Structures are given as C-alpha cells and as structure tokens.
C-alpha cells in the first residue's frame, strides 16, 4: 500500500512559529484576513491553553509529504451550541479550517481537492474523539465565502441555525 501524498498530525508546542507565518488570505478580503490573523495571533494559544482542556481543543496540521509544505490547519473543540431562548445541545465547533494560499483550489495527484483532504482530516478527528462527540458539528462561515460554504456542505454541514452575526452563517450537521 502506498503512502498518501499528505500527512496529518496534531500540532505541537514547537509549531508556534509555523503558525505565525501561515498565509491563507487575500488581505483585501476582510473575512479571509480575519481568519489569517486568528491563525497567526491566537490559534496556538487557544489550542494550548491549560484552562481549555475540558473542551478538548485539537489543532491539526496537514503537510505535503514530499515538499514539507504546510497545506492547511484545522481546529475543533467540544462545546454547547445554543439557539433560540432555551435550546442547547452538545456539539463540536470547527474553530478554524484554513488552506494555505499556495494550496487553495489545488488537487493532490490522486485528484482529491486539498480542501476536502483538510476537511476530511478534521471531521475524522472529531469522529475519533473519546468520549464520542460527532453527533453535531458546526462552523461559523462568512456568508460571502462560497468556497468554505461549499466544502462544509460537501462534508455534511448542511443545516443552518440562526445567525450569530448579520454576515456569518452557522452551518451544522443534521441531527442523527
């Protein structure tokens, strides 16, 4: 059996500098710049915060095996999703799913989209957590970010809950 073209691993404390250089945005697009700033300035601290351990935060890095390029970053945590006045349920929040600018729109030699590999990696990691927590997964996505909305939909985040902000959608998996 041959190795995949990519490698997925959990971030380590020595990865802070790597994240600080991560580029995923066209800085002229505000929501892209916001994601890049978050990855560079806050994501590492979010993932390694000792007070966040009960939420089981996970930060995943996807690398191109041959070149060593950082293809993308994805992070998730256990949370409670609230909607309406008194409705709440356990869920997993996709904190961030971001592809490097170099890899956006690209495919691996196998034909798989880099965005699908990254999203599959994070969704598989969610499904493999103990205790299980993949019953409901959600992401907050800017309403004009058609590519992110499309990848979310391809991976099962197809329902919409009330908006958390006028320009952002909360996409969530179907209740099973």
N, C-alpha and C. Protein backbone atom coordinates (compact mmCIF):
# COMPACT_ATOMS: atom_id res chain seq x y z
N UNK A 1 0.83 -1.17 0.00
CA UNK A 1 0.00 0.00 0.00
C UNK A 1 0.88 1.25 0.00
N UNK A 2 0.58 2.19 -0.86
CA UNK A 2 1.40 3.40 -0.94
C UNK A 2 0.93 4.44 0.06
N UNK A 3 1.85 5.31 0.44
CA UNK A 3 1.53 6.39 1.37
C UNK A 3 0.74 7.48 0.65
N UNK A 4 -0.10 8.16 1.42
CA UNK A 4 -0.81 9.30 0.84
C UNK A 4 0.19 10.42 0.59
N UNK A 5 -0.22 11.35 -0.21
CA UNK A 5 0.63 12.49 -0.57
C UNK A 5 0.71 13.51 0.56
N UNK A 6 -0.14 13.36 1.57
CA UNK A 6 -0.20 14.32 2.66
C UNK A 6 -0.01 13.60 3.99
N UNK A 7 0.29 14.39 5.00
CA UNK A 7 0.48 13.89 6.36
C UNK A 7 -0.33 14.79 7.28
N UNK A 8 -1.13 14.19 8.13
CA UNK A 8 -1.91 14.93 9.12
C UNK A 8 -1.33 14.62 10.49
N UNK A 9 -1.10 15.67 11.27
CA UNK A 9 -0.64 15.45 12.64
C UNK A 9 -1.19 16.53 13.56
N UNK A 10 -1.22 16.19 14.83
CA UNK A 10 -1.65 17.14 15.86
C UNK A 10 -0.51 18.13 16.06
N UNK A 11 -0.87 19.39 16.24
CA UNK A 11 0.13 20.44 16.45
C UNK A 11 0.89 20.18 17.76
N UNK A 12 2.13 20.62 17.76
CA UNK A 12 2.99 20.53 18.94
C UNK A 12 3.39 21.93 19.37
N UNK A 13 3.89 22.02 20.56
CA UNK A 13 4.26 23.35 21.08
C UNK A 13 5.32 24.03 20.22
N UNK A 14 6.15 23.27 19.55
CA UNK A 14 7.18 23.88 18.70
C UNK A 14 6.62 24.45 17.40
N UNK A 15 5.32 24.28 17.14
CA UNK A 15 4.71 24.74 15.89
C UNK A 15 4.26 26.20 15.92
N UNK A 16 4.46 26.90 17.01
CA UNK A 16 4.00 28.30 17.10
C UNK A 16 4.56 29.14 15.95
N UNK A 17 5.85 29.04 15.68
CA UNK A 17 6.47 29.85 14.62
C UNK A 17 5.90 29.51 13.26
N UNK A 18 5.60 28.25 13.04
CA UNK A 18 4.99 27.82 11.78
C UNK A 18 3.63 28.48 11.58
N UNK A 19 2.83 28.52 12.62
CA UNK A 19 1.52 29.16 12.53
C UNK A 19 1.63 30.67 12.35
N UNK A 20 2.64 31.26 12.94
CA UNK A 20 2.80 32.71 12.83
C UNK A 20 3.14 33.14 11.40
N UNK A 21 3.64 32.21 10.59
CA UNK A 21 3.97 32.51 9.19
C UNK A 21 2.89 32.03 8.23
N UNK A 22 1.87 31.36 8.72
CA UNK A 22 0.85 30.77 7.86
C UNK A 22 0.10 31.84 7.07
N UNK A 23 -0.03 31.63 5.78
CA UNK A 23 -0.71 32.59 4.92
C UNK A 23 -1.87 31.91 4.20
N UNK A 24 -3.08 32.39 4.48
CA UNK A 24 -4.27 31.80 3.87
C UNK A 24 -5.20 32.85 3.28
N UNK A 25 -4.78 34.12 3.29
CA UNK A 25 -5.72 35.19 2.98
C UNK A 25 -5.27 36.10 1.85
N UNK A 26 -6.27 36.56 1.13
CA UNK A 26 -6.12 37.73 0.29
C UNK A 26 -6.48 38.87 1.24
N UNK A 27 -5.52 39.68 1.62
CA UNK A 27 -5.78 40.68 2.66
C UNK A 27 -6.81 41.72 2.26
N UNK A 28 -7.16 41.75 0.97
CA UNK A 28 -8.22 42.67 0.52
C UNK A 28 -9.61 42.13 0.84
N UNK A 29 -9.68 40.85 1.24
CA UNK A 29 -10.96 40.23 1.59
C UNK A 29 -11.03 40.16 3.11
N UNK A 30 -11.88 40.97 3.72
CA UNK A 30 -11.89 41.10 5.19
C UNK A 30 -12.03 39.79 5.96
N UNK A 31 -12.95 38.90 5.57
CA UNK A 31 -13.12 37.67 6.35
C UNK A 31 -11.93 36.74 6.19
N UNK A 32 -11.24 36.78 5.05
CA UNK A 32 -10.03 35.97 4.90
C UNK A 32 -8.92 36.53 5.79
N UNK A 33 -8.76 37.84 5.78
CA UNK A 33 -7.74 38.47 6.62
C UNK A 33 -8.01 38.19 8.10
N UNK A 34 -9.29 38.15 8.48
CA UNK A 34 -9.66 37.86 9.86
C UNK A 34 -9.22 36.44 10.26
N UNK A 35 -9.44 35.47 9.37
CA UNK A 35 -9.03 34.09 9.65
C UNK A 35 -7.51 33.99 9.76
N UNK A 36 -6.81 34.61 8.82
CA UNK A 36 -5.34 34.55 8.86
C UNK A 36 -4.80 35.19 10.14
N UNK A 37 -5.34 36.31 10.53
CA UNK A 37 -4.90 36.96 11.77
C UNK A 37 -5.17 36.06 12.97
N UNK A 38 -6.31 35.39 12.97
CA UNK A 38 -6.63 34.49 14.08
C UNK A 38 -5.63 33.33 14.14
N UNK A 39 -5.35 32.72 12.99
CA UNK A 39 -4.39 31.60 12.95
C UNK A 39 -3.03 32.07 13.44
N UNK A 40 -2.58 33.21 12.97
CA UNK A 40 -1.24 33.69 13.32
C UNK A 40 -1.12 34.18 14.76
N UNK A 41 -2.17 34.83 15.27
CA UNK A 41 -2.05 35.51 16.56
C UNK A 41 -2.70 34.78 17.73
N UNK A 42 -3.70 33.93 17.48
CA UNK A 42 -4.48 33.39 18.59
C UNK A 42 -4.64 31.88 18.63
N UNK A 43 -4.59 31.23 17.48
CA UNK A 43 -4.92 29.81 17.42
C UNK A 43 -4.02 28.95 18.30
N UNK A 44 -2.73 29.21 18.29
CA UNK A 44 -1.81 28.43 19.10
C UNK A 44 -2.17 28.53 20.58
N UNK A 45 -2.39 29.74 21.06
CA UNK A 45 -2.75 29.93 22.47
C UNK A 45 -4.09 29.28 22.78
N UNK A 46 -5.04 29.35 21.85
CA UNK A 46 -6.34 28.67 22.02
C UNK A 46 -6.12 27.18 22.22
N UNK A 47 -5.30 26.57 21.39
CA UNK A 47 -5.10 25.12 21.41
C UNK A 47 -4.34 24.64 22.65
N UNK A 48 -3.42 25.44 23.13
CA UNK A 48 -2.57 25.00 24.24
C UNK A 48 -2.92 25.66 25.58
N UNK A 49 -4.01 26.35 25.65
CA UNK A 49 -4.46 26.98 26.89
C UNK A 49 -4.81 25.90 27.91
N UNK A 50 -4.17 25.92 29.07
CA UNK A 50 -4.42 24.90 30.08
C UNK A 50 -5.85 24.94 30.61
N UNK A 51 -6.50 26.10 30.56
CA UNK A 51 -7.88 26.20 31.03
C UNK A 51 -8.88 25.66 30.01
N UNK A 52 -8.45 25.40 28.80
CA UNK A 52 -9.36 24.92 27.75
C UNK A 52 -9.43 23.40 27.69
N UNK A 53 -8.67 22.71 28.50
CA UNK A 53 -8.58 21.25 28.40
C UNK A 53 -9.93 20.55 28.49
N UNK A 54 -10.86 21.04 29.26
CA UNK A 54 -12.15 20.37 29.37
C UNK A 54 -12.93 20.41 28.07
N UNK A 55 -12.62 21.36 27.21
CA UNK A 55 -13.26 21.42 25.89
C UNK A 55 -12.52 20.57 24.86
N UNK A 56 -11.42 19.97 25.29
CA UNK A 56 -10.65 19.08 24.44
C UNK A 56 -10.27 19.72 23.11
N UNK A 57 -9.63 20.89 23.13
CA UNK A 57 -9.27 21.53 21.86
C UNK A 57 -8.23 20.71 21.11
N UNK A 58 -8.40 20.67 19.78
CA UNK A 58 -7.46 19.94 18.94
C UNK A 58 -7.06 20.82 17.77
N UNK A 59 -5.79 20.90 17.53
CA UNK A 59 -5.26 21.66 16.41
C UNK A 59 -4.51 20.68 15.51
N UNK A 60 -4.98 20.56 14.28
CA UNK A 60 -4.39 19.64 13.31
C UNK A 60 -3.66 20.41 12.22
N UNK A 61 -2.55 19.86 11.77
CA UNK A 61 -1.78 20.43 10.67
C UNK A 61 -1.70 19.40 9.56
N UNK A 62 -1.89 19.84 8.33
CA UNK A 62 -1.79 18.96 7.17
C UNK A 62 -0.60 19.43 6.35
N UNK A 63 0.32 18.51 6.09
CA UNK A 63 1.54 18.81 5.34
C UNK A 63 1.57 18.03 4.04
N UNK A 64 2.23 18.59 3.03
CA UNK A 64 2.53 17.84 1.81
C UNK A 64 3.74 16.99 2.15
N UNK A 65 3.61 15.70 1.99
CA UNK A 65 4.64 14.77 2.44
C UNK A 65 5.99 15.01 1.76
N UNK A 66 5.98 15.24 0.45
CA UNK A 66 7.24 15.37 -0.29
C UNK A 66 7.93 16.72 -0.04
N UNK A 67 7.19 17.81 -0.14
CA UNK A 67 7.80 19.14 -0.01
C UNK A 67 7.91 19.62 1.43
N UNK A 68 7.08 19.06 2.31
CA UNK A 68 7.04 19.53 3.69
C UNK A 68 6.20 20.78 3.89
N UNK A 69 5.57 21.28 2.80
CA UNK A 69 4.72 22.47 2.88
C UNK A 69 3.58 22.25 3.86
N UNK A 70 3.25 23.29 4.60
CA UNK A 70 2.05 23.28 5.43
C UNK A 70 0.88 23.59 4.50
N UNK A 71 0.05 22.60 4.25
CA UNK A 71 -1.08 22.72 3.35
C UNK A 71 -2.24 23.45 4.03
N UNK A 72 -2.50 23.09 5.28
CA UNK A 72 -3.62 23.71 5.97
C UNK A 72 -3.63 23.43 7.45
N UNK A 73 -4.49 24.16 8.14
CA UNK A 73 -4.68 24.00 9.57
C UNK A 73 -6.17 23.84 9.84
N UNK A 74 -6.48 23.03 10.83
CA UNK A 74 -7.88 22.85 11.24
C UNK A 74 -7.89 22.63 12.74
N UNK A 75 -8.93 23.14 13.38
CA UNK A 75 -9.03 23.01 14.83
C UNK A 75 -10.49 22.83 15.22
N UNK A 76 -10.70 22.09 16.30
CA UNK A 76 -12.06 21.87 16.79
C UNK A 76 -12.05 21.70 18.30
N UNK A 77 -13.23 21.89 18.90
CA UNK A 77 -13.37 21.69 20.34
C UNK A 77 -14.80 21.31 20.68
N UNK A 78 -14.94 20.67 21.81
CA UNK A 78 -16.25 20.31 22.34
C UNK A 78 -16.89 21.58 22.90
N UNK A 79 -18.19 21.73 22.68
CA UNK A 79 -18.88 22.92 23.17
C UNK A 79 -20.37 22.64 23.31
N UNK A 80 -21.10 23.62 23.73
CA UNK A 80 -22.56 23.54 23.75
C UNK A 80 -23.06 24.57 22.76
N UNK A 81 -23.89 24.12 21.85
CA UNK A 81 -24.46 25.01 20.84
C UNK A 81 -25.82 25.46 21.33
N UNK A 82 -26.01 26.76 21.38
CA UNK A 82 -27.27 27.33 21.85
C UNK A 82 -27.98 28.01 20.68
N UNK A 83 -29.28 27.83 20.66
CA UNK A 83 -30.10 28.55 19.70
C UNK A 83 -31.48 28.72 20.30
N UNK A 84 -32.17 29.74 19.88
CA UNK A 84 -33.45 30.03 20.49
C UNK A 84 -33.25 30.48 21.93
N UNK A 85 -34.34 30.53 22.67
CA UNK A 85 -34.25 31.02 24.05
C UNK A 85 -33.70 29.99 25.02
N UNK A 86 -34.12 28.72 24.87
CA UNK A 86 -33.68 27.75 25.86
C UNK A 86 -33.18 26.45 25.24
N UNK A 87 -32.92 26.44 23.97
CA UNK A 87 -32.47 25.21 23.34
C UNK A 87 -30.94 25.16 23.31
N UNK A 88 -30.42 24.03 23.69
CA UNK A 88 -28.97 23.84 23.69
C UNK A 88 -28.68 22.36 23.51
N UNK A 89 -27.55 22.05 22.87
CA UNK A 89 -27.14 20.67 22.74
C UNK A 89 -25.62 20.59 22.60
N UNK A 90 -25.09 19.44 22.99
CA UNK A 90 -23.65 19.22 22.87
C UNK A 90 -23.29 19.19 21.40
N UNK A 91 -22.15 19.78 21.08
CA UNK A 91 -21.71 19.85 19.69
C UNK A 91 -20.19 20.00 19.65
N UNK A 92 -19.66 19.90 18.46
CA UNK A 92 -18.26 20.19 18.22
C UNK A 92 -18.18 21.39 17.31
N UNK A 93 -17.42 22.37 17.72
CA UNK A 93 -17.23 23.56 16.89
C UNK A 93 -15.95 23.42 16.09
N UNK A 94 -16.07 23.61 14.78
CA UNK A 94 -14.87 23.72 13.96
C UNK A 94 -14.37 25.14 14.15
N UNK A 95 -13.34 25.27 14.94
CA UNK A 95 -12.80 26.58 15.29
C UNK A 95 -12.23 27.28 14.07
N UNK A 96 -11.51 26.53 13.26
CA UNK A 96 -10.94 27.07 12.02
C UNK A 96 -10.61 25.91 11.09
N UNK A 97 -10.80 26.13 9.81
CA UNK A 97 -10.35 25.22 8.75
C UNK A 97 -9.81 26.15 7.67
N UNK A 98 -8.49 26.15 7.47
CA UNK A 98 -7.88 27.12 6.57
C UNK A 98 -6.78 26.47 5.73
N UNK A 99 -6.85 26.71 4.43
CA UNK A 99 -5.83 26.23 3.50
C UNK A 99 -4.82 27.33 3.22
N UNK A 100 -3.58 26.94 3.09
CA UNK A 100 -2.54 27.86 2.68
C UNK A 100 -2.90 28.44 1.31
N UNK A 101 -2.56 29.70 1.07
CA UNK A 101 -2.86 30.33 -0.23
C UNK A 101 -2.28 29.51 -1.38
N UNK A 102 -1.11 28.95 -1.19
CA UNK A 102 -0.46 28.16 -2.23
C UNK A 102 -1.29 26.95 -2.62
N UNK A 103 -2.07 26.41 -1.68
CA UNK A 103 -2.80 25.16 -1.91
C UNK A 103 -4.28 25.38 -2.18
N UNK A 104 -4.77 26.60 -2.13
CA UNK A 104 -6.19 26.86 -2.38
C UNK A 104 -6.52 26.54 -3.83
N UNK A 105 -7.58 25.78 -4.02
CA UNK A 105 -8.01 25.39 -5.36
C UNK A 105 -7.20 24.26 -5.96
N UNK A 106 -6.23 23.75 -5.22
CA UNK A 106 -5.35 22.70 -5.75
C UNK A 106 -5.92 21.31 -5.49
N UNK A 107 -5.37 20.36 -6.20
CA UNK A 107 -5.69 18.95 -6.00
C UNK A 107 -4.39 18.18 -5.84
N UNK A 108 -4.47 17.11 -5.09
CA UNK A 108 -3.34 16.20 -4.99
C UNK A 108 -3.31 15.34 -6.25
N UNK A 109 -2.23 14.62 -6.46
CA UNK A 109 -2.09 13.79 -7.67
C UNK A 109 -3.20 12.77 -7.80
N UNK A 110 -3.78 12.37 -6.68
CA UNK A 110 -4.88 11.40 -6.69
C UNK A 110 -6.18 12.02 -7.19
N UNK A 111 -6.19 13.35 -7.35
CA UNK A 111 -7.39 14.04 -7.80
C UNK A 111 -8.19 14.64 -6.66
N UNK A 112 -7.84 14.33 -5.43
CA UNK A 112 -8.59 14.85 -4.29
C UNK A 112 -8.27 16.32 -4.07
N UNK A 113 -9.31 17.09 -3.83
CA UNK A 113 -9.14 18.51 -3.52
C UNK A 113 -8.42 18.65 -2.19
N UNK A 114 -7.51 19.59 -2.13
CA UNK A 114 -6.82 19.82 -0.86
C UNK A 114 -7.82 20.24 0.22
N UNK A 115 -8.84 21.01 -0.16
CA UNK A 115 -9.84 21.42 0.82
C UNK A 115 -10.60 20.23 1.38
N UNK A 116 -10.88 19.23 0.54
CA UNK A 116 -11.58 18.04 1.03
C UNK A 116 -10.70 17.18 1.91
N UNK A 117 -9.41 17.10 1.59
CA UNK A 117 -8.49 16.35 2.44
C UNK A 117 -8.42 17.01 3.83
N UNK A 118 -8.30 18.32 3.86
CA UNK A 118 -8.25 19.05 5.14
C UNK A 118 -9.53 18.86 5.93
N UNK A 119 -10.67 19.02 5.28
CA UNK A 119 -11.96 18.88 5.97
C UNK A 119 -12.17 17.43 6.42
N UNK A 120 -11.79 16.47 5.58
CA UNK A 120 -11.91 15.06 5.98
C UNK A 120 -11.05 14.76 7.20
N UNK A 121 -9.86 15.36 7.24
CA UNK A 121 -8.97 15.14 8.38
C UNK A 121 -9.61 15.63 9.68
N UNK A 122 -10.19 16.83 9.65
CA UNK A 122 -10.77 17.36 10.88
C UNK A 122 -12.05 16.60 11.25
N UNK A 123 -12.87 16.24 10.27
CA UNK A 123 -14.10 15.51 10.57
C UNK A 123 -13.78 14.10 11.09
N UNK A 124 -12.75 13.47 10.57
CA UNK A 124 -12.33 12.15 11.07
C UNK A 124 -11.80 12.26 12.49
N UNK A 125 -11.07 13.32 12.77
CA UNK A 125 -10.55 13.53 14.11
C UNK A 125 -11.69 13.74 15.10
N UNK A 126 -12.69 14.51 14.70
CA UNK A 126 -13.87 14.72 15.55
C UNK A 126 -14.54 13.38 15.84
N UNK A 127 -14.73 12.57 14.81
CA UNK A 127 -15.41 11.28 14.96
C UNK A 127 -14.63 10.32 15.86
N UNK A 128 -13.31 10.47 15.89
CA UNK A 128 -12.48 9.56 16.66
C UNK A 128 -12.23 9.96 18.10
N UNK A 129 -12.78 11.08 18.56
CA UNK A 129 -12.54 11.53 19.92
C UNK A 129 -13.25 10.63 20.93
N UNK A 130 -12.65 10.51 22.09
CA UNK A 130 -13.24 9.76 23.20
C UNK A 130 -13.36 10.73 24.36
N UNK A 131 -14.53 10.92 24.92
CA UNK A 131 -15.78 10.29 24.53
C UNK A 131 -16.25 10.83 23.17
N UNK A 132 -17.09 10.04 22.47
CA UNK A 132 -17.55 10.45 21.14
C UNK A 132 -18.25 11.80 21.19
N UNK A 133 -18.08 12.57 20.15
CA UNK A 133 -18.72 13.88 20.13
C UNK A 133 -19.03 14.37 18.73
N UNK A 134 -19.27 13.47 17.82
CA UNK A 134 -19.52 13.90 16.46
C UNK A 134 -20.99 13.95 16.08
N UNK A 135 -21.90 13.85 17.05
CA UNK A 135 -23.33 13.87 16.72
C UNK A 135 -23.72 15.16 16.01
N UNK A 136 -23.21 16.29 16.45
CA UNK A 136 -23.47 17.57 15.80
C UNK A 136 -22.15 18.33 15.69
N UNK A 137 -21.84 18.74 14.50
CA UNK A 137 -20.63 19.52 14.23
C UNK A 137 -21.08 20.81 13.55
N UNK A 138 -20.50 21.94 13.96
CA UNK A 138 -20.88 23.19 13.32
C UNK A 138 -19.68 24.08 13.05
N UNK A 139 -19.89 25.02 12.14
CA UNK A 139 -18.88 26.00 11.79
C UNK A 139 -19.57 27.34 11.57
N UNK A 140 -18.85 28.40 11.81
CA UNK A 140 -19.34 29.75 11.54
C UNK A 140 -18.56 30.24 10.32
N UNK A 141 -19.31 30.59 9.26
CA UNK A 141 -18.69 30.93 7.97
C UNK A 141 -19.28 32.25 7.45
N UNK A 142 -18.43 33.09 6.91
CA UNK A 142 -18.92 34.34 6.33
C UNK A 142 -19.84 34.02 5.15
N UNK A 143 -20.95 34.73 5.05
CA UNK A 143 -21.97 34.44 4.04
C UNK A 143 -21.46 34.60 2.61
N UNK A 144 -20.41 35.38 2.38
CA UNK A 144 -19.86 35.55 1.03
C UNK A 144 -18.73 34.57 0.72
N UNK A 145 -18.38 33.74 1.67
CA UNK A 145 -17.28 32.79 1.49
C UNK A 145 -17.83 31.50 0.84
N UNK A 146 -18.12 31.59 -0.43
CA UNK A 146 -18.76 30.49 -1.16
C UNK A 146 -17.93 29.21 -1.14
N UNK A 147 -16.61 29.32 -1.24
CA UNK A 147 -15.77 28.10 -1.24
C UNK A 147 -15.84 27.37 0.09
N UNK A 148 -15.82 28.10 1.20
CA UNK A 148 -15.92 27.45 2.51
C UNK A 148 -17.31 26.87 2.74
N UNK A 149 -18.32 27.58 2.32
CA UNK A 149 -19.68 27.05 2.44
C UNK A 149 -19.81 25.76 1.64
N UNK A 150 -19.24 25.73 0.44
CA UNK A 150 -19.31 24.54 -0.41
C UNK A 150 -18.60 23.35 0.24
N UNK A 151 -17.41 23.56 0.79
CA UNK A 151 -16.69 22.44 1.42
C UNK A 151 -17.43 21.97 2.66
N UNK A 152 -18.01 22.88 3.41
CA UNK A 152 -18.81 22.48 4.58
C UNK A 152 -19.98 21.61 4.14
N UNK A 153 -20.67 22.03 3.12
CA UNK A 153 -21.83 21.27 2.63
C UNK A 153 -21.41 19.88 2.12
N UNK A 154 -20.27 19.82 1.42
CA UNK A 154 -19.79 18.51 0.93
C UNK A 154 -19.49 17.56 2.07
N UNK A 155 -19.23 18.09 3.26
CA UNK A 155 -18.85 17.26 4.41
C UNK A 155 -19.95 17.20 5.47
N UNK A 156 -21.17 17.50 5.05
CA UNK A 156 -22.31 17.25 5.92
C UNK A 156 -22.83 18.40 6.75
N UNK A 157 -22.21 19.56 6.69
CA UNK A 157 -22.71 20.73 7.43
C UNK A 157 -23.72 21.42 6.52
N UNK A 158 -24.95 20.94 6.56
CA UNK A 158 -25.95 21.34 5.57
C UNK A 158 -27.12 22.13 6.14
N UNK A 159 -27.31 22.08 7.45
CA UNK A 159 -28.39 22.84 8.06
C UNK A 159 -27.86 24.18 8.53
N UNK A 160 -28.75 25.17 8.56
CA UNK A 160 -28.36 26.48 9.07
C UNK A 160 -29.15 26.80 10.31
N UNK A 161 -28.45 27.31 11.31
CA UNK A 161 -29.09 27.79 12.53
C UNK A 161 -29.13 29.32 12.45
N UNK A 162 -29.71 29.92 13.44
CA UNK A 162 -29.77 31.38 13.46
C UNK A 162 -28.37 31.96 13.34
N UNK A 163 -28.29 33.11 12.71
CA UNK A 163 -27.00 33.75 12.50
C UNK A 163 -26.48 34.34 13.81
N UNK A 164 -25.17 34.20 14.01
CA UNK A 164 -24.54 34.79 15.19
C UNK A 164 -24.17 36.25 14.92
N UNK A 165 -24.12 36.60 13.68
CA UNK A 165 -23.81 37.96 13.24
C UNK A 165 -24.45 38.12 11.88
N UNK A 166 -24.79 39.31 11.52
CA UNK A 166 -25.52 39.56 10.28
C UNK A 166 -24.79 39.00 9.05
N UNK A 167 -23.48 38.92 9.05
CA UNK A 167 -22.73 38.46 7.88
C UNK A 167 -22.22 37.02 7.97
N UNK A 168 -22.52 36.34 9.06
CA UNK A 168 -21.99 34.99 9.25
C UNK A 168 -23.10 33.97 9.40
N UNK A 169 -22.86 32.79 8.83
CA UNK A 169 -23.82 31.67 8.91
C UNK A 169 -23.27 30.64 9.89
N UNK A 170 -24.19 29.98 10.60
CA UNK A 170 -23.80 28.81 11.41
C UNK A 170 -24.31 27.59 10.67
N UNK A 171 -23.37 26.83 10.11
CA UNK A 171 -23.71 25.61 9.39
C UNK A 171 -23.49 24.43 10.34
N UNK A 172 -24.43 23.50 10.35
CA UNK A 172 -24.37 22.39 11.29
C UNK A 172 -24.78 21.10 10.60
N UNK A 173 -24.23 19.99 11.11
CA UNK A 173 -24.62 18.69 10.57
C UNK A 173 -26.04 18.35 10.99
N UNK A 174 -26.65 17.46 10.27
CA UNK A 174 -28.01 17.02 10.55
C UNK A 174 -28.02 16.19 11.84
N UNK A 175 -29.03 16.38 12.66
CA UNK A 175 -29.16 15.58 13.89
C UNK A 175 -29.43 14.13 13.53
N UNK A 176 -28.69 13.22 14.19
CA UNK A 176 -28.88 11.79 13.92
C UNK A 176 -29.64 11.13 15.03
